Amino acid sequence: ILISYSLIGLPFAILRPLIALITGVFGGVLMNLNNKEEKLVEVSENLSKNDDSPKTKNWLKDLFQYSFVEFLQDISNWLLLGLVIAALITVVLPDNFFTNYISNDFLGMIIILIAAIPLYVCATGSVPIAAALMLKGLSPGAALVFLMAGPATNAATITVIGKVLGKKALFFYLFSIITGALISGLVIDYVLPVSWFRYVLSPEHHNHSMGWFVYVQYSSTIILILLMLNGYIIKYFKKNKTEIIQNNTMKNITIIVKGMTCNHCKANVENNIKKIEGIADAVVDLAKNEVNISGENIDLAKIKNVVNGLGYEFVD
């Protein structure tokens, strides 16, 4: 939300999560209405166990650890990729490119929607790209379609949802995302005031920073860069302090799991593997796609079932 506000303005920062919420509820309602007579899928015993792990005592430390380390580790690559793509769009495409070559706003939405499917970009990285596209004449509604469809309809997400939830769920997921994005885009272009969205890309908007606020911007940029560098150093260069302690009385194995992309994936895999009977500890190495497991009587079949059930791929 804050990145959207800083790059494409307050209206987008408010509308984007609101539309995503409405679209998600719409898709869930459609799914429920079409599954009234179907039996509920039985949840795996390993996934349904209550988490008996003790609550962390140092919640304040965990709060800052996630906010300034883990969260930045998750978004840094995507943010940098988005900035690079946005810079290329700004340099390569001529001004008013979309205005000159795609005069119909709805056609622009369809083209952006088709282009967003094979493009693997997260919600954070899509914001600077959308800003660059608007600078080149793309309508605000089409930009919203990209912000909605880019992160939600990429090939990787489609594959995982189809595999884990089934083809019917995938259909309603795509239908709700596409329908919600297109309708919202049309509302933005033809119902809401144009000034709400054009102002953020006007020259006056980019030259308004004067006086002390310039120093706030520069300081914030420097702090963000330092925090991102710290995240990279911890992730790739510092030895993982949570490594499993080698215990002669326990078996230690390492498995490969594909599809883990962020610290949420890491926690998801670790916590669910730990719930399996006989598992003492599980530690994920995101950089290597490895999971180090220790315990007694380790059952690889159960581990594989849990990992694949979460939507990741257990590599035999």
C-alpha atoms as a PDB file:
ATOM      1  CA  ILE A   1       0.000   0.000   0.000  1.00  0.00           C
ATOM      2  CA  LEU A   2       2.783   2.436   0.920  1.00  0.00           C
ATOM      3  CA  ILE A   3       4.710   1.656  -2.269  1.00  0.00           C
ATOM      4  CA  SER A   4       1.542   2.250  -4.301  1.00  0.00           C
ATOM      5  CA  TYR A   5       1.004   5.561  -2.513  1.00  0.00           C
ATOM      6  CA  SER A   6       4.576   6.730  -3.112  1.00  0.00           C
ATOM      7  CA  LEU A   7       4.689   5.856  -6.829  1.00  0.00           C
ATOM      8  CA  ILE A   8       1.148   6.069  -8.203  1.00  0.00           C
ATOM      9  CA  GLY A   9      -0.762   8.087  -5.622  1.00  0.00           C
ATOM     10  CA  LEU A  10      -3.301   7.825  -2.821  1.00  0.00           C
ATOM     11  CA  PRO A  11      -6.347   6.823  -4.952  1.00  0.00           C
ATOM     12  CA  PHE A  12      -4.536   3.722  -6.237  1.00  0.00           C
ATOM     13  CA  ALA A  13      -3.240   2.933  -2.735  1.00  0.00           C
ATOM     14  CA  ILE A  14      -6.831   2.890  -1.442  1.00  0.00           C
ATOM     15  CA  LEU A  15      -8.587   1.303  -4.422  1.00  0.00           C
ATOM     16  CA  ARG A  16      -6.119  -1.504  -5.074  1.00  0.00           C
ATOM     17  CA  PRO A  17      -6.522  -3.419  -1.768  1.00  0.00           C
ATOM     18  CA  LEU A  18     -10.245  -2.616  -1.661  1.00  0.00           C
ATOM     19  CA  ILE A  19     -10.807  -4.077  -5.131  1.00  0.00           C
ATOM     20  CA  ALA A  20      -8.624  -7.082  -4.278  1.00  0.00           C
ATOM     21  CA  LEU A  21     -10.770  -7.715  -1.183  1.00  0.00           C
ATOM     22  CA  ILE A  22     -14.034  -7.489  -3.124  1.00  0.00           C
ATOM     23  CA  THR A  23     -12.666  -9.696  -5.906  1.00  0.00           C
ATOM     24  CA  GLY A  24     -11.474 -12.317  -3.421  1.00  0.00           C
ATOM     25  CA  VAL A  25     -14.852 -12.461  -1.676  1.00  0.00           C
ATOM     26  CA  PHE A  26     -16.590 -12.654  -5.072  1.00  0.00           C
ATOM     27  CA  GLY A  27     -14.429 -15.614  -6.114  1.00  0.00           C
ATOM     28  CA  GLY A  28     -14.983 -17.385  -2.795  1.00  0.00           C
ATOM     29  CA  VAL A  29     -18.758 -16.959  -3.012  1.00  0.00           C
ATOM     30  CA  LEU A  30     -18.792 -18.323  -6.571  1.00  0.00           C
ATOM     31  CA  MET A  31     -16.765 -21.328  -5.468  1.00  0.00           C
ATOM     32  CA  ASN A  32     -19.067 -22.058  -2.523  1.00  0.00           C
ATOM     33  CA  LEU A  33     -22.227 -21.702  -4.611  1.00  0.00           C
ATOM     34  CA  ASN A  34     -20.936 -24.289  -7.062  1.00  0.00           C
ATOM     35  CA  ASN A  35     -19.767 -26.771  -4.412  1.00  0.00           C
ATOM     36  CA  LYS A  36     -22.856 -27.113  -2.244  1.00  0.00           C
ATOM     37  CA  GLU A  37     -23.318 -30.811  -2.969  1.00  0.00           C
ATOM     38  CA  GLU A  38     -19.651 -31.755  -2.956  1.00  0.00           C
ATOM     39  CA  LYS A  39     -18.078 -33.314   0.089  1.00  0.00           C
ATOM     40  CA  LEU A  40     -15.509 -31.352   1.979  1.00  0.00           C
ATOM     41  CA  VAL A  41     -11.965 -32.459   1.352  1.00  0.00           C
ATOM     42  CA  GLU A  42     -10.583 -34.266   4.365  1.00  0.00           C
ATOM     43  CA  VAL A  43      -7.626 -32.377   5.749  1.00  0.00           C
ATOM     44  CA  SER A  44      -4.458 -34.368   6.248  1.00  0.00           C
ATOM     45  CA  GLU A  45      -3.923 -35.354   9.874  1.00  0.00           C
ATOM     46  CA  ASN A  46      -0.475 -33.821   9.804  1.00  0.00           C
ATOM     47  CA  LEU A  47      -1.826 -30.481   8.597  1.00  0.00           C
ATOM     48  CA  SER A  48      -4.748 -30.318  11.011  1.00  0.00           C
ATOM     49  CA  LYS A  49      -2.869 -30.787  14.244  1.00  0.00           C
ATOM     50  CA  ASN A  50      -2.878 -27.855  16.582  1.00  0.00           C
ATOM     51  CA  ASP A  51       0.409 -26.050  16.817  1.00  0.00           C
ATOM     52  CA  ASP A  52       1.574 -26.834  20.329  1.00  0.00           C
ATOM     53  CA  SER A  53       4.787 -24.897  19.969  1.00  0.00           C
ATOM     54  CA  PRO A  54       5.233 -22.327  22.758  1.00  0.00           C
ATOM     55  CA  LYS A  55       4.493 -18.729  21.948  1.00  0.00           C
ATOM     56  CA  THR A  56       7.567 -16.637  21.450  1.00  0.00           C
ATOM     57  CA  LYS A  57       8.595 -14.651  24.486  1.00  0.00           C
ATOM     58  CA  ASN A  58      10.438 -11.952  22.601  1.00  0.00           C
ATOM     59  CA  TRP A  59       7.615 -10.789  20.341  1.00  0.00           C
ATOM     60  CA  LEU A  60       9.132  -7.330  19.903  1.00  0.00           C
ATOM     61  CA  LYS A  61      12.345  -8.815  18.513  1.00  0.00           C
ATOM     62  CA  ASP A  62      10.338 -11.010  16.133  1.00  0.00           C
ATOM     63  CA  LEU A  63       8.342  -7.966  15.032  1.00  0.00           C
ATOM     64  CA  PHE A  64      11.461  -6.052  14.015  1.00  0.00           C
ATOM     65  CA  GLN A  65      13.091  -9.190  12.591  1.00  0.00           C
ATOM     66  CA  TYR A  66      10.186  -9.677  10.198  1.00  0.00           C
ATOM     67  CA  SER A  67       9.658  -5.994   9.380  1.00  0.00           C
ATOM     68  CA  PHE A  68      13.258  -5.026   8.664  1.00  0.00           C
ATOM     69  CA  VAL A  69      14.872  -8.330   7.641  1.00  0.00           C
ATOM     70  CA  GLU A  70      12.546 -11.095   6.468  1.00  0.00           C
ATOM     71  CA  PHE A  71      10.006  -8.861   4.734  1.00  0.00           C
ATOM     72  CA  LEU A  72      12.727  -7.005   2.827  1.00  0.00           C
ATOM     73  CA  GLN A  73      14.344 -10.317   1.886  1.00  0.00           C
ATOM     74  CA  ASP A  74      11.025 -11.312   0.324  1.00  0.00           C
ATOM     75  CA  ILE A  75      10.404  -8.158  -1.713  1.00  0.00           C
ATOM     76  CA  SER A  76      13.910  -6.887  -2.559  1.00  0.00           C
ATOM     77  CA  ASN A  77      14.439  -8.986  -5.697  1.00  0.00           C
ATOM     78  CA  TRP A  78      10.986  -8.168  -7.030  1.00  0.00           C
ATOM     79  CA  LEU A  79      11.278  -4.472  -6.233  1.00  0.00           C
ATOM     80  CA  LEU A  80      14.637  -4.243  -8.013  1.00  0.00           C
ATOM     81  CA  LEU A  81      13.288  -6.197 -10.985  1.00  0.00           C
ATOM     82  CA  GLY A  82      10.274  -3.910 -11.176  1.00  0.00           C
ATOM     83  CA  LEU A  83      12.465  -0.805 -11.082  1.00  0.00           C
ATOM     84  CA  VAL A  84      14.720  -2.184 -13.839  1.00  0.00           C
ATOM     85  CA  ILE A  85      11.752  -3.038 -16.080  1.00  0.00           C
ATOM     86  CA  ALA A  86      10.191   0.366 -15.357  1.00  0.00           C
ATOM     87  CA  ALA A  87      13.453   2.084 -16.294  1.00  0.00           C
ATOM     88  CA  LEU A  88      13.631   0.128 -19.567  1.00  0.00           C
ATOM     89  CA  ILE A  89      10.029   1.032 -20.404  1.00  0.00           C
ATOM     90  CA  THR A  90      10.746   4.692 -19.684  1.00  0.00           C
ATOM     91  CA  VAL A  91      13.832   4.714 -21.915  1.00  0.00           C
ATOM     92  CA  VAL A  92      12.719   2.446 -24.766  1.00  0.00           C
ATOM     93  CA  LEU A  93       9.069   3.384 -25.326  1.00  0.00           C
ATOM     94  CA  PRO A  94       8.332   6.826 -26.783  1.00  0.00           C
ATOM     95  CA  ASP A  95       6.134   9.267 -24.892  1.00  0.00           C
ATOM     96  CA  ASN A  96       2.379   8.740 -25.386  1.00  0.00           C
ATOM     97  CA  PHE A  97       3.097   5.306 -26.904  1.00  0.00           C
ATOM     98  CA  PHE A  98      -0.193   3.794 -25.723  1.00  0.00           C
ATOM     99  CA  THR A  99      -2.171   6.921 -26.581  1.00  0.00           C
ATOM    100  CA  ASN A 100      -0.854   6.889 -30.156  1.00  0.00           C
ATOM    101  CA  TYR A 101      -1.056   3.162 -30.877  1.00  0.00           C
ATOM    102  CA  ILE A 102      -3.848   1.912 -28.595  1.00  0.00           C
ATOM    103  CA  SER A 103      -6.585   4.516 -28.594  1.00  0.00           C
ATOM    104  CA  ASN A 104      -9.249   2.234 -27.084  1.00  0.00           C
ATOM    105  CA  ASP A 105      -8.839   1.968 -23.302  1.00  0.00           C
ATOM    106  CA  PHE A 106     -10.668  -1.371 -23.058  1.00  0.00           C
ATOM    107  CA  LEU A 107      -8.435  -2.850 -25.757  1.00  0.00           C
ATOM    108  CA  GLY A 108      -5.465  -1.660 -23.735  1.00  0.00           C
ATOM    109  CA  MET A 109      -6.817  -3.547 -20.710  1.00  0.00           C
ATOM    110  CA  ILE A 110      -7.162  -6.763 -22.728  1.00  0.00           C
ATOM    111  CA  ILE A 111      -3.618  -6.456 -24.102  1.00  0.00           C
ATOM    112  CA  ILE A 112      -2.203  -5.779 -20.629  1.00  0.00           C
ATOM    113  CA  LEU A 113      -4.170  -8.732 -19.246  1.00  0.00           C
ATOM    114  CA  ILE A 114      -2.771 -11.106 -21.885  1.00  0.00           C
ATOM    115  CA  ALA A 115       0.755  -9.784 -21.378  1.00  0.00           C
ATOM    116  CA  ALA A 116       0.516 -10.157 -17.587  1.00  0.00           C
ATOM    117  CA  ILE A 117      -0.146 -13.918 -17.622  1.00  0.00           C
ATOM    118  CA  PRO A 118       3.362 -15.126 -18.601  1.00  0.00           C
ATOM    119  CA  LEU A 119       5.044 -12.297 -16.664  1.00  0.00           C
ATOM    120  CA  TYR A 120       6.170 -13.476 -13.222  1.00  0.00           C
ATOM    121  CA  VAL A 121       6.015 -10.359 -11.047  1.00  0.00           C
ATOM    122  CA  CYS A 122       4.923  -9.850  -7.444  1.00  0.00           C
ATOM    123  CA  ALA A 123       2.574  -7.200  -6.050  1.00  0.00           C
ATOM    124  CA  THR A 124       5.505  -4.992  -5.033  1.00  0.00           C
ATOM    125  CA  GLY A 125       7.456  -5.200  -8.286  1.00  0.00           C
ATOM    126  CA  SER A 126       4.364  -4.469 -10.374  1.00  0.00           C
ATOM    127  CA  VAL A 127       3.942  -0.941  -8.963  1.00  0.00           C
ATOM    128  CA  PRO A 128       6.940   0.800 -10.629  1.00  0.00           C
ATOM    129  CA  ILE A 129       6.113  -1.006 -13.889  1.00  0.00           C
ATOM    130  CA  ALA A 130       2.531   0.300 -13.759  1.00  0.00           C
ATOM    131  CA  ALA A 131       3.813   3.813 -13.061  1.00  0.00           C
ATOM    132  CA  ALA A 132       6.148   3.648 -16.076  1.00  0.00           C
ATOM    133  CA  LEU A 133       3.338   2.361 -18.315  1.00  0.00           C
ATOM    134  CA  MET A 134       1.093   5.240 -17.238  1.00  0.00           C
ATOM    135  CA  LEU A 135       3.876   7.694 -18.052  1.00  0.00           C
ATOM    136  CA  LYS A 136       3.809   6.310 -21.594  1.00  0.00           C
ATOM    137  CA  GLY A 137       0.079   6.907 -21.990  1.00  0.00           C
ATOM    138  CA  LEU A 138      -1.506   3.753 -20.564  1.00  0.00           C
ATOM    139  CA  SER A 139      -4.894   4.493 -19.011  1.00  0.00           C
ATOM    140  CA  PRO A 140      -5.226   4.291 -15.202  1.00  0.00           C
ATOM    141  CA  GLY A 141      -7.806   1.521 -15.612  1.00  0.00           C
ATOM    142  CA  ALA A 142      -5.427  -0.595 -17.683  1.00  0.00           C
ATOM    143  CA  ALA A 143      -2.705   0.068 -15.102  1.00  0.00           C
ATOM    144  CA  LEU A 144      -5.023  -1.315 -12.414  1.00  0.00           C
ATOM    145  CA  VAL A 145      -5.623  -4.408 -14.561  1.00  0.00           C
ATOM    146  CA  PHE A 146      -1.864  -4.956 -14.616  1.00  0.00           C
ATOM    147  CA  LEU A 147      -1.583  -4.405 -10.852  1.00  0.00           C
ATOM    148  CA  MET A 148      -4.328  -6.983 -10.268  1.00  0.00           C
ATOM    149  CA  ALA A 149      -3.579  -9.532 -12.974  1.00  0.00           C
ATOM    150  CA  GLY A 150       0.220  -9.380 -12.999  1.00  0.00           C
ATOM    151  CA  PRO A 151       0.796 -10.906  -9.550  1.00  0.00           C
ATOM    152  CA  ALA A 152      -2.368 -13.053  -9.558  1.00  0.00           C
ATOM    153  CA  THR A 153      -2.421 -14.708 -12.997  1.00  0.00           C
ATOM    154  CA  ASN A 154       1.199 -15.604 -13.664  1.00  0.00           C
ATOM    155  CA  ALA A 155       1.913 -19.105 -14.958  1.00  0.00           C
ATOM    156  CA  ALA A 156       3.470 -20.316 -11.694  1.00  0.00           C
ATOM    157  CA  THR A 157       0.429 -19.329  -9.600  1.00  0.00           C
ATOM    158  CA  ILE A 158      -1.967 -20.899 -12.096  1.00  0.00           C
ATOM    159  CA  THR A 159      -0.019 -24.175 -12.026  1.00  0.00           C
ATOM    160  CA  VAL A 160       0.019 -24.395  -8.222  1.00  0.00           C
ATOM    161  CA  ILE A 161      -3.693 -23.571  -7.799  1.00  0.00           C
ATOM    162  CA  GLY A 162      -4.691 -26.060 -10.482  1.00  0.00           C
ATOM    163  CA  LYS A 163      -2.585 -28.767  -8.864  1.00  0.00           C
ATOM    164  CA  VAL A 164      -3.594 -28.184  -5.241  1.00  0.00           C
ATOM    165  CA  LEU A 165      -7.209 -26.958  -5.456  1.00  0.00           C
ATOM    166  CA  GLY A 166      -8.313 -28.446  -8.765  1.00  0.00           C
ATOM    167  CA  LYS A 167      -9.476 -27.182 -12.150  1.00  0.00           C
ATOM    168  CA  LYS A 168     -12.823 -25.877 -10.914  1.00  0.00           C
ATOM    169  CA  ALA A 169     -11.188 -23.734  -8.248  1.00  0.00           C
ATOM    170  CA  LEU A 170      -8.677 -22.506 -10.827  1.00  0.00           C
ATOM    171  CA  PHE A 171     -11.499 -21.499 -13.179  1.00  0.00           C
ATOM    172  CA  PHE A 172     -13.332 -19.473 -10.521  1.00  0.00           C
ATOM    173  CA  TYR A 173     -10.054 -17.957  -9.366  1.00  0.00           C
ATOM    174  CA  LEU A 174      -9.176 -16.724 -12.852  1.00  0.00           C
ATOM    175  CA  PHE A 175     -12.764 -15.699 -13.609  1.00  0.00           C
ATOM    176  CA  SER A 176     -13.028 -13.572 -10.463  1.00  0.00           C
ATOM    177  CA  ILE A 177      -9.606 -11.959 -10.952  1.00  0.00           C
ATOM    178  CA  ILE A 178     -10.138 -11.161 -14.638  1.00  0.00           C
ATOM    179  CA  THR A 179     -13.744  -9.997 -14.218  1.00  0.00           C
ATOM    180  CA  GLY A 180     -12.949  -7.904 -11.157  1.00  0.00           C
ATOM    181  CA  ALA A 181      -9.903  -6.316 -12.784  1.00  0.00           C
ATOM    182  CA  LEU A 182     -11.705  -5.422 -16.027  1.00  0.00           C
ATOM    183  CA  ILE A 183     -14.820  -4.034 -14.324  1.00  0.00           C
ATOM    184  CA  SER A 184     -12.706  -2.021 -11.888  1.00  0.00           C
ATOM    185  CA  GLY A 185     -10.567  -0.736 -14.742  1.00  0.00           C
ATOM    186  CA  LEU A 186     -13.650   0.449 -16.620  1.00  0.00           C
ATOM    187  CA  VAL A 187     -14.974   2.185 -13.495  1.00  0.00           C
ATOM    188  CA  ILE A 188     -11.658   3.990 -13.026  1.00  0.00           C
ATOM    189  CA  ASP A 189     -11.474   5.121 -16.659  1.00  0.00           C
ATOM    190  CA  TYR A 190     -15.114   6.075 -17.212  1.00  0.00           C
ATOM    191  CA  VAL A 191     -16.706   6.780 -13.809  1.00  0.00           C
ATOM    192  CA  LEU A 192     -14.120   8.152 -11.387  1.00  0.00           C
ATOM    193  CA  PRO A 193     -12.582  11.614 -11.896  1.00  0.00           C
ATOM    194  CA  VAL A 194      -9.590  11.551 -14.251  1.00  0.00           C
ATOM    195  CA  SER A 195      -7.797  14.095 -12.068  1.00  0.00           C
ATOM    196  CA  TRP A 196      -7.468  11.506  -9.297  1.00  0.00           C
ATOM    197  CA  PHE A 197      -5.064   9.461 -11.394  1.00  0.00           C
ATOM    198  CA  ARG A 198      -3.508  11.917 -13.844  1.00  0.00           C
ATOM    199  CA  TYR A 199      -2.216  14.184 -11.088  1.00  0.00           C
ATOM    200  CA  VAL A 200       0.253  11.638  -9.740  1.00  0.00           C
ATOM    201  CA  LEU A 201       2.020  11.475 -13.100  1.00  0.00           C
ATOM    202  CA  SER A 202       2.063  15.183 -13.869  1.00  0.00           C
ATOM    203  CA  PRO A 203       5.381  17.077 -13.960  1.00  0.00           C
ATOM    204  CA  GLU A 204       4.190  19.210 -11.051  1.00  0.00           C
ATOM    205  CA  HIS A 205       3.791  16.113  -8.926  1.00  0.00           C
ATOM    206  CA  HIS A 206       7.368  14.989  -9.515  1.00  0.00           C
ATOM    207  CA  ASN A 207       8.822  18.448  -8.893  1.00  0.00           C
ATOM    208  CA  HIS A 208       6.878  19.363  -5.769  1.00  0.00           C
ATOM    209  CA  SER A 209       9.552  18.195  -3.325  1.00  0.00           C
ATOM    210  CA  MET A 210      11.181  21.273  -1.850  1.00  0.00           C
ATOM    211  CA  GLY A 211      12.873  22.311   1.363  1.00  0.00           C
ATOM    212  CA  TRP A 212      13.315  19.871   4.203  1.00  0.00           C
ATOM    213  CA  PHE A 213      11.175  17.141   2.569  1.00  0.00           C
ATOM    214  CA  VAL A 214      13.949  16.485   0.043  1.00  0.00           C
ATOM    215  CA  TYR A 215      16.204  15.400   2.895  1.00  0.00           C
ATOM    216  CA  VAL A 216      13.482  13.072   4.178  1.00  0.00           C
ATOM    217  CA  GLN A 217      13.302  11.453   0.742  1.00  0.00           C
ATOM    218  CA  TYR A 218      17.056  11.042   0.440  1.00  0.00           C
ATOM    219  CA  SER A 219      17.371   9.717   3.997  1.00  0.00           C
ATOM    220  CA  SER A 220      14.559   7.217   3.444  1.00  0.00           C
ATOM    221  CA  THR A 221      16.194   6.020   0.225  1.00  0.00           C
ATOM    222  CA  ILE A 222      19.542   5.486   1.939  1.00  0.00           C
ATOM    223  CA  ILE A 223      17.926   3.628   4.852  1.00  0.00           C
ATOM    224  CA  LEU A 224      15.972   1.387   2.466  1.00  0.00           C
ATOM    225  CA  ILE A 225      19.117   0.538   0.476  1.00  0.00           C
ATOM    226  CA  LEU A 226      21.041  -0.286   3.664  1.00  0.00           C
ATOM    227  CA  LEU A 227      18.221  -2.502   4.950  1.00  0.00           C
ATOM    228  CA  MET A 228      18.034  -4.332   1.607  1.00  0.00           C
ATOM    229  CA  LEU A 229      21.803  -4.888   1.617  1.00  0.00           C
ATOM    230  CA  ASN A 230      21.573  -6.185   5.184  1.00  0.00           C
ATOM    231  CA  GLY A 231      18.884  -8.646   4.097  1.00  0.00           C
ATOM    232  CA  TYR A 232      21.057  -9.949   1.257  1.00  0.00           C
ATOM    233  CA  ILE A 233      24.091 -10.304   3.549  1.00  0.00           C
ATOM    234  CA  ILE A 234      22.113 -12.267   6.139  1.00  0.00           C
ATOM    235  CA  LYS A 235      20.498 -14.480   3.498  1.00  0.00           C
ATOM    236  CA  TYR A 236      23.522 -15.333   1.353  1.00  0.00           C
ATOM    237  CA  PHE A 237      26.672 -14.665   3.368  1.00  0.00           C
ATOM    238  CA  LYS A 238      25.988 -15.188   7.059  1.00  0.00           C
ATOM    239  CA  LYS A 239      25.850 -18.732   8.393  1.00  0.00           C
ATOM    240  CA  ASN A 240      22.356 -19.733   9.376  1.00  0.00           C
ATOM    241  CA  LYS A 241      22.202 -19.597  13.167  1.00  0.00           C
ATOM    242  CA  THR A 242      19.164 -21.861  13.241  1.00  0.00           C
ATOM    243  CA  GLU A 243      20.973 -24.839  11.771  1.00  0.00           C
ATOM    244  CA  ILE A 244      19.982 -28.187  13.171  1.00  0.00           C
ATOM    245  CA  ILE A 245      22.298 -29.294  15.940  1.00  0.00           C
ATOM    246  CA  GLN A 246      23.806 -32.613  14.955  1.00  0.00           C
ATOM    247  CA  ASN A 247      22.667 -35.235  17.433  1.00  0.00           C
ATOM    248  CA  ASN A 248      24.118 -38.708  17.335  1.00  0.00           C
ATOM    249  CA  THR A 249      20.875 -40.138  18.686  1.00  0.00           C
ATOM    250  CA  MET A 250      18.822 -38.646  15.854  1.00  0.00           C
ATOM    251  CA  LYS A 251      18.790 -39.072  12.121  1.00  0.00           C
ATOM    252  CA  ASN A 252      19.538 -35.988  10.027  1.00  0.00           C
ATOM    253  CA  ILE A 253      18.453 -35.759   6.392  1.00  0.00           C
ATOM    254  CA  THR A 254      18.229 -33.053   3.739  1.00  0.00           C
ATOM    255  CA  ILE A 255      15.460 -32.899   1.152  1.00  0.00           C
ATOM    256  CA  ILE A 256      14.903 -30.636  -1.855  1.00  0.00           C
ATOM    257  CA  VAL A 257      11.635 -28.705  -2.064  1.00  0.00           C
ATOM    258  CA  LYS A 258      10.766 -26.547  -5.069  1.00  0.00           C
ATOM    259  CA  GLY A 259       8.338 -23.636  -5.047  1.00  0.00           C
ATOM    260  CA  MET A 260       9.455 -21.902  -1.846  1.00  0.00           C
ATOM    261  CA  THR A 261       9.952 -18.232  -2.701  1.00  0.00           C
ATOM    262  CA  CYS A 262       9.667 -16.247   0.530  1.00  0.00           C
ATOM    263  CA  ASN A 263       9.899 -16.399   4.304  1.00  0.00           C
ATOM    264  CA  HIS A 264       6.192 -17.197   4.514  1.00  0.00           C
ATOM    265  CA  CYS A 265       6.858 -20.323   2.443  1.00  0.00           C
ATOM    266  CA  LYS A 266       9.796 -21.101   4.721  1.00  0.00           C
ATOM    267  CA  ALA A 267       7.701 -20.876   7.885  1.00  0.00           C
ATOM    268  CA  ASN A 268       4.845 -22.809   6.278  1.00  0.00           C
ATOM    269  CA  VAL A 269       7.059 -25.764   5.341  1.00  0.00           C
ATOM    270  CA  GLU A 270       9.003 -25.778   8.615  1.00  0.00           C
ATOM    271  CA  ASN A 271       5.949 -25.608  10.879  1.00  0.00           C
ATOM    272  CA  ASN A 272       4.005 -28.330   9.071  1.00  0.00           C
ATOM    273  CA  ILE A 273       6.936 -30.742   8.821  1.00  0.00           C
ATOM    274  CA  LYS A 274       7.583 -30.298  12.555  1.00  0.00           C
ATOM    275  CA  LYS A 275       4.026 -31.487  13.236  1.00  0.00           C
ATOM    276  CA  ILE A 276       4.803 -34.911  11.778  1.00  0.00           C
ATOM    277  CA  GLU A 277       5.333 -37.553  14.424  1.00  0.00           C
ATOM    278  CA  GLY A 278       9.010 -38.286  14.969  1.00  0.00           C
ATOM    279  CA  ILE A 279      10.281 -34.962  13.586  1.00  0.00           C
ATOM    280  CA  ALA A 280      12.329 -32.965  16.092  1.00  0.00           C
ATOM    281  CA  ASP A 281      13.270 -30.008  13.909  1.00  0.00           C
ATOM    282  CA  ALA A 282      13.105 -28.713  10.340  1.00  0.00           C
ATOM    283  CA  VAL A 283      15.041 -25.765   8.911  1.00  0.00           C
ATOM    284  CA  VAL A 284      14.578 -24.369   5.391  1.00  0.00           C
ATOM    285  CA  ASP A 285      17.411 -22.878   3.342  1.00  0.00           C
ATOM    286  CA  LEU A 286      15.612 -20.727   0.759  1.00  0.00           C
ATOM    287  CA  ALA A 287      18.771 -20.005  -1.232  1.00  0.00           C
ATOM    288  CA  LYS A 288      19.331 -23.732  -1.870  1.00  0.00           C
ATOM    289  CA  ASN A 289      15.690 -24.932  -1.800  1.00  0.00           C
ATOM    290  CA  GLU A 290      16.727 -27.364   0.926  1.00  0.00           C
ATOM    291  CA  VAL A 291      15.016 -28.526   4.104  1.00  0.00           C
ATOM    292  CA  ASN A 292      17.240 -29.960   6.834  1.00  0.00           C
ATOM    293  CA  ILE A 293      15.285 -32.385   9.009  1.00  0.00           C
ATOM    294  CA  SER A 294      16.217 -34.177  12.215  1.00  0.00           C
ATOM    295  CA  GLY A 295      14.265 -36.738  14.177  1.00  0.00           C
ATOM    296  CA  GLU A 296      13.656 -40.386  14.904  1.00  0.00           C
ATOM    297  CA  ASN A 297      11.941 -42.806  12.532  1.00  0.00           C
ATOM    298  CA  ILE A 298      11.646 -40.154   9.793  1.00  0.00           C
ATOM    299  CA  ASP A 299       8.927 -41.108   7.319  1.00  0.00           C
ATOM    300  CA  LEU A 300       9.729 -39.584   3.914  1.00  0.00           C
ATOM    301  CA  ALA A 301       6.328 -40.589   2.540  1.00  0.00           C
ATOM    302  CA  LYS A 302       4.567 -38.476   5.181  1.00  0.00           C
ATOM    303  CA  ILE A 303       6.937 -35.577   4.584  1.00  0.00           C
ATOM    304  CA  LYS A 304       6.312 -35.761   0.833  1.00  0.00           C
ATOM    305  CA  ASN A 305       2.556 -35.847   1.405  1.00  0.00           C
ATOM    306  CA  VAL A 306       2.696 -32.770   3.638  1.00  0.00           C
ATOM    307  CA  VAL A 307       4.989 -30.787   1.323  1.00  0.00           C
ATOM    308  CA  ASN A 308       2.955 -31.538  -1.809  1.00  0.00           C
ATOM    309  CA  GLY A 309      -0.265 -30.865   0.098  1.00  0.00           C
ATOM    310  CA  LEU A 310       0.973 -27.360   0.874  1.00  0.00           C
ATOM    311  CA  GLY A 311       1.439 -26.675  -2.839  1.00  0.00           C
ATOM    312  CA  TYR A 312       5.200 -27.151  -3.037  1.00  0.00           C
ATOM    313  CA  GLU A 313       7.110 -29.869  -4.883  1.00  0.00           C
ATOM    314  CA  PHE A 314       8.988 -32.585  -3.016  1.00  0.00           C
ATOM    315  CA  VAL A 315      11.907 -33.630  -5.230  1.00  0.00           C
ATOM    316  CA  ASP A 316      12.607 -37.368  -4.978  1.00  0.00           C
END
